[in-house]
Amino acid sequence: MKDKIHPQLFDVNVHCACGSEFVTRSTKKELRVEVCSACHPFFTGKQKLMDTAGRVEKFNRKYAKKEVAAPVAEAAPEAEAPAEANQ
């Protein structure tokens, strides 16, 4: 391996939005994440909606069943007005 071409690695504390922390190695000095193994539904076994930037609402609006309006009865056609003579 060549010398002085690899980035420097640091021991990093990773902070999750749920409050848990763990140590790993990275080229950055500090990491913040939204989801970790302590709060991710796959690892916890609990189903939880994780809404990022309103994606759930957007999906629900897109695929919501639209209410079908009651059919509007058509009004009886009015009697035709006699054509005016242009002479």
N, C-alpha and C. Protein backbone atom coordinates (compact mmCIF):
# COMPACT_ATOMS: atom_id res chain seq x y z
N MET A 1 0.84 -1.18 0.00
CA MET A 1 0.00 0.00 0.00
C MET A 1 0.88 1.25 0.00
N LYS A 2 0.42 2.26 -0.67
CA LYS A 2 1.17 3.52 -0.71
C LYS A 2 0.95 4.31 0.57
N ASP A 3 1.98 5.00 0.97
CA ASP A 3 1.90 5.84 2.15
C ASP A 3 1.26 7.19 1.81
N LYS A 4 0.56 7.75 2.78
CA LYS A 4 0.02 9.11 2.74
C LYS A 4 -1.03 9.35 1.66
N ILE A 5 -1.74 8.30 1.22
CA ILE A 5 -2.83 8.52 0.27
C ILE A 5 -4.19 8.16 0.87
N HIS A 6 -4.19 7.51 2.03
CA HIS A 6 -5.43 7.07 2.64
C HIS A 6 -5.94 8.11 3.64
N PRO A 7 -7.25 8.29 3.72
CA PRO A 7 -7.79 9.27 4.67
C PRO A 7 -7.58 8.81 6.10
N GLN A 8 -7.53 9.75 6.99
CA GLN A 8 -7.32 9.45 8.40
C GLN A 8 -8.63 8.93 9.00
N LEU A 9 -8.55 7.85 9.77
CA LEU A 9 -9.73 7.29 10.43
C LEU A 9 -9.77 7.74 11.87
N PHE A 10 -11.00 8.01 12.33
CA PHE A 10 -11.22 8.45 13.70
C PHE A 10 -12.17 7.47 14.39
N ASP A 11 -12.05 7.34 15.71
CA ASP A 11 -13.07 6.67 16.49
C ASP A 11 -14.20 7.68 16.68
N VAL A 12 -15.41 7.31 16.25
CA VAL A 12 -16.51 8.25 16.18
C VAL A 12 -17.66 7.80 17.06
N ASN A 13 -18.26 8.74 17.80
CA ASN A 13 -19.51 8.49 18.50
C ASN A 13 -20.64 8.80 17.54
N VAL A 14 -21.49 7.82 17.28
CA VAL A 14 -22.64 8.01 16.41
C VAL A 14 -23.84 8.30 17.30
N HIS A 15 -24.52 9.43 17.06
CA HIS A 15 -25.67 9.83 17.85
C HIS A 15 -26.93 9.62 17.02
N CYS A 16 -27.89 8.89 17.58
CA CYS A 16 -29.16 8.63 16.89
C CYS A 16 -30.22 9.59 17.41
N ALA A 17 -31.27 9.79 16.61
CA ALA A 17 -32.37 10.66 17.02
C ALA A 17 -33.13 10.07 18.20
N CYS A 18 -33.06 8.75 18.40
CA CYS A 18 -33.75 8.12 19.53
C CYS A 18 -32.98 8.28 20.83
N GLY A 19 -31.75 8.76 20.77
CA GLY A 19 -30.96 8.99 21.97
C GLY A 19 -29.85 7.99 22.20
N SER A 20 -29.83 6.91 21.45
CA SER A 20 -28.77 5.92 21.65
C SER A 20 -27.48 6.38 20.97
N GLU A 21 -26.37 5.88 21.48
CA GLU A 21 -25.06 6.21 20.93
C GLU A 21 -24.23 4.94 20.82
N PHE A 22 -23.36 4.88 19.84
CA PHE A 22 -22.41 3.78 19.73
C PHE A 22 -21.15 4.31 19.06
N VAL A 23 -20.09 3.54 19.18
CA VAL A 23 -18.78 3.96 18.67
C VAL A 23 -18.43 3.13 17.44
N THR A 24 -17.93 3.78 16.43
CA THR A 24 -17.46 3.11 15.22
C THR A 24 -16.27 3.91 14.68
N ARG A 25 -15.79 3.54 13.52
CA ARG A 25 -14.67 4.27 12.90
C ARG A 25 -15.15 4.90 11.61
N SER A 26 -14.69 6.11 11.36
CA SER A 26 -15.09 6.83 10.16
C SER A 26 -14.06 7.90 9.84
N THR A 27 -14.16 8.45 8.64
CA THR A 27 -13.29 9.56 8.26
C THR A 27 -13.84 10.88 8.78
N LYS A 28 -15.11 10.89 9.20
CA LYS A 28 -15.69 12.08 9.82
C LYS A 28 -15.48 12.01 11.32
N LYS A 29 -15.53 13.15 11.97
CA LYS A 29 -15.28 13.17 13.41
C LYS A 29 -16.54 12.96 14.24
N GLU A 30 -17.71 13.21 13.66
CA GLU A 30 -18.97 13.03 14.38
C GLU A 30 -20.06 12.66 13.39
N LEU A 31 -20.94 11.74 13.78
CA LEU A 31 -22.05 11.32 12.93
C LEU A 31 -23.36 11.42 13.69
N ARG A 32 -24.39 11.89 13.00
CA ARG A 32 -25.75 11.91 13.55
C ARG A 32 -26.65 11.20 12.55
N VAL A 33 -27.46 10.26 13.05
CA VAL A 33 -28.35 9.50 12.19
C VAL A 33 -29.78 9.60 12.72
N GLU A 34 -30.76 9.36 11.83
CA GLU A 34 -32.16 9.38 12.22
C GLU A 34 -32.61 8.04 12.77
N VAL A 35 -32.04 6.95 12.24
CA VAL A 35 -32.48 5.61 12.62
C VAL A 35 -31.24 4.75 12.87
N CYS A 36 -31.28 3.97 13.95
CA CYS A 36 -30.18 3.06 14.25
C CYS A 36 -30.76 1.68 14.57
N SER A 37 -29.92 0.74 14.92
CA SER A 37 -30.39 -0.61 15.22
C SER A 37 -31.22 -0.66 16.50
N ALA A 38 -31.12 0.34 17.35
CA ALA A 38 -31.91 0.36 18.58
C ALA A 38 -33.35 0.79 18.33
N CYS A 39 -33.61 1.52 17.24
CA CYS A 39 -34.97 2.01 17.00
C CYS A 39 -35.54 1.60 15.64
N HIS A 40 -34.78 0.93 14.80
CA HIS A 40 -35.27 0.53 13.48
C HIS A 40 -36.27 -0.62 13.63
N PRO A 41 -37.42 -0.57 12.94
CA PRO A 41 -38.44 -1.61 13.07
C PRO A 41 -37.94 -3.02 12.74
N PHE A 42 -37.01 -3.16 11.84
CA PHE A 42 -36.50 -4.49 11.50
C PHE A 42 -35.83 -5.13 12.70
N PHE A 43 -35.07 -4.37 13.45
CA PHE A 43 -34.33 -4.90 14.58
C PHE A 43 -35.18 -4.99 15.85
N THR A 44 -36.16 -4.09 16.01
CA THR A 44 -36.98 -4.09 17.22
C THR A 44 -38.17 -5.02 17.11
N GLY A 45 -38.60 -5.35 15.89
CA GLY A 45 -39.75 -6.22 15.70
C GLY A 45 -41.07 -5.48 15.83
N LYS A 46 -41.04 -4.19 16.00
CA LYS A 46 -42.25 -3.39 16.12
C LYS A 46 -42.43 -2.60 14.83
N GLN A 47 -43.68 -2.59 14.35
CA GLN A 47 -43.94 -1.82 13.14
C GLN A 47 -44.19 -0.38 13.54
N LYS A 48 -43.55 0.52 12.86
CA LYS A 48 -43.67 1.94 13.18
C LYS A 48 -43.55 2.72 11.88
N LEU A 49 -44.41 3.70 11.70
CA LEU A 49 -44.32 4.54 10.52
C LEU A 49 -43.20 5.54 10.72
N MET A 50 -42.28 5.57 9.79
CA MET A 50 -41.18 6.52 9.86
C MET A 50 -41.38 7.51 8.73
N ASP A 51 -41.97 8.63 9.06
CA ASP A 51 -42.32 9.63 8.06
C ASP A 51 -41.16 10.59 7.88
N THR A 52 -40.64 10.62 6.69
CA THR A 52 -39.57 11.55 6.38
C THR A 52 -40.10 12.55 5.36
N ALA A 53 -40.19 13.77 5.75
CA ALA A 53 -40.61 14.87 4.87
C ALA A 53 -41.99 14.66 4.29
N GLY A 54 -42.94 14.13 5.08
CA GLY A 54 -44.32 14.02 4.65
C GLY A 54 -44.59 12.97 3.60
N ARG A 55 -43.75 11.97 3.49
CA ARG A 55 -43.93 10.98 2.43
C ARG A 55 -45.17 10.12 2.65
N VAL A 56 -45.50 9.85 3.91
CA VAL A 56 -46.69 9.04 4.19
C VAL A 56 -47.94 9.80 3.77
N GLU A 57 -48.02 11.09 4.11
CA GLU A 57 -49.18 11.88 3.73
C GLU A 57 -49.28 11.98 2.21
N LYS A 58 -48.16 12.14 1.55
CA LYS A 58 -48.16 12.23 0.09
C LYS A 58 -48.69 10.93 -0.52
N PHE A 59 -48.25 9.80 0.02
CA PHE A 59 -48.72 8.50 -0.47
C PHE A 59 -50.21 8.36 -0.22
N ASN A 60 -50.67 8.71 0.98
CA ASN A 60 -52.09 8.58 1.31
C ASN A 60 -52.95 9.47 0.42
N ARG A 61 -52.48 10.68 0.13
CA ARG A 61 -53.24 11.56 -0.76
C ARG A 61 -53.30 10.98 -2.17
N LYS A 62 -52.20 10.40 -2.61
CA LYS A 62 -52.13 9.90 -3.98
C LYS A 62 -53.04 8.70 -4.19
N TYR A 63 -53.08 7.80 -3.20
CA TYR A 63 -53.82 6.56 -3.38
C TYR A 63 -55.10 6.48 -2.54
N ALA A 64 -55.54 7.59 -2.01
CA ALA A 64 -56.79 7.59 -1.24
C ALA A 64 -57.95 7.34 -2.19
N LYS A 65 -58.94 6.62 -1.66
CA LYS A 65 -60.12 6.37 -2.49
C LYS A 65 -60.91 7.67 -2.58
N LYS A 66 -61.22 8.03 -3.77
CA LYS A 66 -61.95 9.26 -3.97
C LYS A 66 -63.44 8.97 -3.78
N GLU A 67 -64.14 9.91 -3.13
CA GLU A 67 -65.57 9.74 -2.93
C GLU A 67 -66.26 9.92 -4.26
N VAL A 68 -67.19 9.01 -4.53
CA VAL A 68 -67.94 9.09 -5.78
C VAL A 68 -69.13 9.99 -5.54
N ALA A 69 -69.24 11.04 -6.32
CA ALA A 69 -70.35 11.97 -6.19
C ALA A 69 -71.61 11.31 -6.72
N ALA A 70 -72.74 11.61 -6.09
CA ALA A 70 -74.01 11.07 -6.55
C ALA A 70 -74.26 11.57 -7.97
N PRO A 71 -74.75 10.69 -8.83
CA PRO A 71 -74.98 11.14 -10.21
C PRO A 71 -76.01 12.26 -10.24
N VAL A 72 -75.72 13.27 -10.99
CA VAL A 72 -76.60 14.43 -11.10
C VAL A 72 -77.62 14.14 -12.18
N ALA A 73 -78.90 14.24 -11.79
CA ALA A 73 -79.97 14.01 -12.77
C ALA A 73 -79.96 15.16 -13.77
N GLU A 74 -79.98 14.80 -15.03
CA GLU A 74 -79.96 15.85 -16.05
C GLU A 74 -81.33 16.49 -16.13
N ALA A 75 -81.34 17.78 -16.23
CA ALA A 75 -82.59 18.51 -16.36
C ALA A 75 -83.18 18.21 -17.73
N ALA A 76 -84.52 18.24 -17.77
CA ALA A 76 -85.20 17.99 -19.05
C ALA A 76 -84.80 19.08 -20.03
N PRO A 77 -84.49 18.68 -21.25
CA PRO A 77 -84.09 19.71 -22.22
C PRO A 77 -85.24 20.68 -22.47
N GLU A 78 -84.90 21.94 -22.52
CA GLU A 78 -85.92 22.95 -22.75
C GLU A 78 -86.38 22.86 -24.20
N ALA A 79 -87.60 23.31 -24.40
CA ALA A 79 -88.15 23.28 -25.76
C ALA A 79 -87.29 24.16 -26.65
N GLU A 80 -87.07 23.68 -27.83
CA GLU A 80 -86.21 24.43 -28.73
C GLU A 80 -86.90 25.72 -29.15
N ALA A 81 -86.16 26.77 -29.13
CA ALA A 81 -86.71 28.05 -29.55
C ALA A 81 -86.77 28.06 -31.08
N PRO A 82 -87.85 28.62 -31.62
CA PRO A 82 -87.94 28.65 -33.08
C PRO A 82 -86.83 29.52 -33.67
N ALA A 83 -86.36 29.09 -34.79
CA ALA A 83 -85.29 29.82 -35.45
C ALA A 83 -85.84 31.13 -35.97
N GLU A 84 -85.08 32.17 -35.79
CA GLU A 84 -85.51 33.48 -36.27
C GLU A 84 -85.20 33.59 -37.75
N ALA A 85 -86.07 34.23 -38.42
CA ALA A 85 -85.86 34.44 -39.84
C ALA A 85 -84.97 35.66 -40.02
N ASN A 86 -83.95 35.51 -40.79
CA ASN A 86 -83.02 36.61 -41.01
C ASN A 86 -83.38 37.41 -42.26
N GLN A 87 -84.56 37.37 -42.70
CA GLN A 87 -84.92 38.08 -43.92
C GLN A 87 -85.66 39.33 -43.65
